Amino acid sequence: MSVEDLKKALENKTMSQIAKEKGMTESDFQAKMAEAAKARWEARGLSSEEIAKRTAEREKRHAANSADHEWGSGDGNHQGGYGRNR
């Protein structure tokens, strides 16, 4: 999916809805997002310790968020995330 196609899709859908439509599972989506985050952090020159800390914080947030919704259940009126803004 091109960057432009993604931007257009995000006008009406969440990232998780788009991923679901592309046949990705929640774990596949989370793995891809974690991989991209790690690559960004490495490119910014963060230390291994800082990357590990951020990864742990990210996993904690995802675990907390996944407990209160079904994956892809957001209303799509915002960009990013797994569901509704709270």
Protein backbone atom coordinates (compact mmCIF):
# COMPACT_ATOMS: atom_id res chain seq x y z
CA MET A 1 0.00 0.00 0.00
CA SER A 2 1.44 3.37 -0.95
CA VAL A 3 1.82 6.20 1.53
CA GLU A 4 -0.83 8.19 -0.33
CA ASP A 5 -3.27 5.25 -0.32
CA LEU A 6 -2.69 4.81 3.42
CA LYS A 7 -3.26 8.51 4.12
CA LYS A 8 -6.51 8.41 2.17
CA ALA A 9 -7.68 5.23 3.94
CA LEU A 10 -6.88 6.76 7.34
CA GLU A 11 -9.43 9.47 6.68
CA ASN A 12 -12.20 6.92 7.35
CA LYS A 13 -10.57 3.90 8.99
CA THR A 14 -8.17 2.97 11.75
CA MET A 15 -4.83 1.31 11.11
CA SER A 16 -6.18 -1.91 12.57
CA GLN A 17 -9.20 -1.87 10.23
CA ILE A 18 -6.92 -1.38 7.24
CA ALA A 19 -4.61 -4.17 8.40
CA LYS A 20 -7.59 -6.49 8.90
CA GLU A 21 -8.80 -5.75 5.36
CA LYS A 22 -5.31 -6.64 4.10
CA GLY A 23 -5.60 -10.04 5.78
CA MET A 24 -3.30 -9.38 8.71
CA THR A 25 -3.92 -10.80 12.15
CA GLU A 26 -3.56 -8.61 15.21
CA SER A 27 -0.29 -10.33 16.14
CA ASP A 28 1.06 -9.85 12.58
CA PHE A 29 0.10 -6.17 12.71
CA GLN A 30 1.67 -5.65 16.13
CA ALA A 31 4.87 -7.41 15.01
CA LYS A 32 5.14 -5.18 11.91
CA MET A 33 4.52 -2.04 13.95
CA ALA A 34 7.10 -3.11 16.57
CA GLU A 35 9.63 -3.80 13.82
CA ALA A 36 9.03 -0.37 12.29
CA ALA A 37 9.29 1.35 15.69
CA LYS A 38 12.56 -0.41 16.48
CA ALA A 39 14.00 0.59 13.09
CA ARG A 40 13.01 4.25 13.69
CA TRP A 41 14.58 4.23 17.15
CA GLU A 42 17.79 2.65 15.84
CA ALA A 43 17.95 5.24 13.03
CA ARG A 44 17.65 7.98 15.65
CA GLY A 45 20.63 6.51 17.48
CA LEU A 46 18.87 5.33 20.62
CA SER A 47 20.81 2.91 22.81
CA SER A 48 19.86 -0.75 23.10
CA GLU A 49 18.74 -0.07 26.66
CA GLU A 50 16.44 2.78 25.59
CA ILE A 51 14.99 0.67 22.77
CA ALA A 52 14.34 -2.18 25.22
CA LYS A 53 12.65 0.25 27.62
CA ARG A 54 10.45 1.71 24.87
CA THR A 55 9.60 -1.76 23.57
CA ALA A 56 8.51 -2.88 27.04
CA GLU A 57 6.39 0.27 27.49
CA ARG A 58 4.81 -0.27 24.07
CA GLU A 59 3.96 -3.89 24.85
CA LYS A 60 2.44 -2.84 28.18
CA ARG A 61 0.23 -0.25 26.44
CA HIS A 62 -0.90 -2.75 23.82
CA ALA A 63 -1.76 -5.34 26.46
CA ALA A 64 -3.80 -2.77 28.39
CA ASN A 65 -5.58 -1.53 25.25
CA SER A 66 -6.41 -4.96 23.91
CA ALA A 67 -8.18 -5.89 27.15
CA ASP A 68 -11.05 -3.45 26.56
CA HIS A 69 -11.93 -3.84 22.88
CA GLU A 70 -12.12 -6.13 19.92
CA TRP A 71 -9.29 -5.60 17.45
CA GLY A 72 -10.37 -3.31 14.63
CA SER A 73 -13.46 -2.09 16.46
CA GLY A 74 -12.65 1.63 16.28
CA ASP A 75 -14.99 4.06 14.62
CA GLY A 76 -12.40 5.30 12.12
CA ASN A 77 -12.93 8.99 12.84
CA HIS A 78 -9.33 9.50 13.91
CA GLN A 79 -5.92 8.44 12.75
CA GLY A 80 -3.98 5.50 14.14
CA GLY A 81 -4.59 3.33 17.13
CA TYR A 82 -6.54 0.19 17.73
CA GLY A 83 -9.93 1.59 18.58
CA ARG A 84 -11.74 4.62 19.86
CA ASN A 85 -9.93 7.54 21.43
CA ARG A 86 -10.49 7.46 25.16
